[in-house]
Amino acid sequence: MPRHCLALDLKEDQTAIAEYKRYHEKIWPEIKQSLFDAGVTDMEIYLLGTRMFMIMEVDDTFSFSAKAAMDDANAKVQEWETLMHGFQQQLPGSAPGQWWTAMERVFSLAEQ
């Protein structure tokens, strides 16, 4: 099953970080469904300081461009993204409008 690892930063504001974490205790049902509809089978987000790391497991139908098109057409996803962007800040060097940024895998124990 394909896996994607992405990173993003939160703004340096402990109150806002706590609120961001509260939103993720139980995401909106429409957001959960949109992930499943796009082919995401599992997702975890980890936080260290302000740096977030997302592990996304997807099925063979998943594509970032298809998910982006689905998200653009979904008003509830747009509402969620706008809300989340208020807590987030783009990584240095990311493209304009790019939030979650794909990470490069540099090691695999299984391939040693």
Protein backbone atom coordinates (compact mmCIF):
# COMPACT_ATOMS: atom_id res chain seq x y z
CA MET A 1 0.00 0.00 0.00
CA PRO A 2 1.52 3.36 -1.00
CA ARG A 3 2.57 5.76 1.75
CA HIS A 4 3.18 9.50 1.56
CA CYS A 5 5.00 11.52 4.23
CA LEU A 6 4.48 15.26 4.39
CA ALA A 7 5.53 18.12 6.66
CA LEU A 8 4.09 21.48 7.67
CA ASP A 9 4.61 23.96 10.48
CA LEU A 10 2.17 25.44 12.94
CA LYS A 11 2.46 29.05 14.01
CA GLU A 12 4.44 29.64 17.20
CA ASP A 13 1.42 30.10 19.48
CA GLN A 14 0.80 27.52 22.21
CA THR A 15 -2.87 28.46 22.58
CA ALA A 16 -3.46 28.07 18.85
CA ILE A 17 -1.53 24.79 18.79
CA ALA A 18 -3.74 23.45 21.57
CA GLU A 19 -6.82 24.51 19.60
CA TYR A 20 -5.47 22.86 16.42
CA LYS A 21 -4.98 19.64 18.37
CA ARG A 22 -8.55 19.87 19.73
CA TYR A 23 -9.91 20.14 16.18
CA HIS A 24 -8.10 16.92 15.34
CA GLU A 25 -9.46 14.96 18.30
CA LYS A 26 -12.62 14.45 16.21
CA ILE A 27 -12.44 15.85 12.69
CA TRP A 28 -15.61 16.88 10.90
CA PRO A 29 -17.36 13.86 9.34
CA GLU A 30 -17.29 15.51 5.90
CA ILE A 31 -13.50 15.80 6.10
CA LYS A 32 -13.12 12.16 7.10
CA GLN A 33 -15.38 11.10 4.23
CA SER A 34 -13.50 13.27 1.73
CA LEU A 35 -10.26 11.53 2.70
CA PHE A 36 -11.79 8.09 2.21
CA ASP A 37 -13.37 9.20 -1.10
CA ALA A 38 -9.92 10.29 -2.35
CA GLY A 39 -8.39 6.90 -1.57
CA VAL A 40 -6.76 7.67 1.78
CA THR A 41 -6.98 4.54 3.92
CA ASP A 42 -5.16 5.80 7.01
CA MET A 43 -3.53 9.00 8.19
CA GLU A 44 -1.54 10.05 11.23
CA ILE A 45 -0.14 13.45 12.14
CA TYR A 46 2.71 13.88 14.62
CA LEU A 47 3.85 17.13 16.20
CA LEU A 48 7.23 18.21 17.58
CA GLY A 49 7.28 21.83 18.69
CA THR A 50 5.67 23.52 15.70
CA ARG A 51 6.73 20.96 13.06
CA MET A 52 4.09 18.50 11.94
CA PHE A 53 4.71 15.23 10.14
CA MET A 54 1.90 13.42 8.31
CA ILE A 55 1.94 9.76 7.30
CA MET A 56 -0.73 9.02 4.73
CA GLU A 57 -1.52 5.48 3.58
CA VAL A 58 -3.43 5.39 0.30
CA ASP A 59 -4.94 2.87 -2.07
CA ASP A 60 -3.97 2.49 -5.72
CA THR A 61 -6.66 4.94 -6.87
CA PHE A 62 -5.14 7.88 -4.95
CA SER A 63 -3.58 10.86 -6.72
CA PHE A 64 -2.71 14.26 -5.31
CA SER A 65 -4.18 16.05 -8.33
CA ALA A 66 -7.49 14.16 -8.12
CA LYS A 67 -7.70 14.85 -4.39
CA ALA A 68 -7.00 18.55 -4.99
CA ALA A 69 -9.79 18.71 -7.59
CA MET A 70 -12.20 16.95 -5.23
CA ASP A 71 -11.23 19.29 -2.40
CA ASP A 72 -11.70 22.38 -4.58
CA ALA A 73 -15.25 21.23 -5.37
CA ASN A 74 -16.16 20.50 -1.74
CA ALA A 75 -17.34 23.56 0.22
CA LYS A 76 -16.93 21.83 3.60
CA VAL A 77 -13.32 20.85 2.80
CA GLN A 78 -12.64 24.45 1.74
CA GLU A 79 -14.11 25.69 5.03
CA TRP A 80 -11.89 23.23 6.98
CA GLU A 81 -8.77 24.17 5.00
CA THR A 82 -9.37 27.88 5.54
CA LEU A 83 -9.79 27.27 9.26
CA MET A 84 -6.65 25.09 9.46
CA HIS A 85 -4.53 27.58 7.48
CA GLY A 86 -5.15 30.06 10.27
CA PHE A 87 -3.04 27.80 12.53
CA GLN A 88 -0.45 26.78 9.95
CA GLN A 89 2.52 28.34 8.24
CA GLN A 90 4.19 27.11 5.12
CA LEU A 91 7.61 25.55 5.28
CA PRO A 92 10.55 27.68 4.14
CA GLY A 93 11.12 27.10 0.44
CA SER A 94 7.62 25.77 -0.26
CA ALA A 95 5.84 26.97 -3.39
CA PRO A 96 3.20 29.70 -3.12
CA GLY A 97 -0.05 28.11 -1.94
CA GLN A 98 1.72 24.88 -0.96
CA TRP A 99 0.88 23.82 2.57
CA TRP A 100 1.70 20.18 3.30
CA THR A 101 5.03 19.44 1.58
CA ALA A 102 6.14 15.97 0.51
CA MET A 103 9.24 14.71 2.26
CA GLU A 104 12.08 12.78 0.65
CA ARG A 105 12.69 9.29 2.01
CA VAL A 106 16.40 8.92 2.76
CA PHE A 107 16.45 5.53 4.51
CA SER A 108 14.58 2.23 4.50
CA LEU A 109 15.59 -0.57 6.83
CA ALA A 110 13.72 -3.05 4.64
CA GLU A 111 15.96 -2.16 1.70
CA GLN A 112 19.24 -2.67 3.58
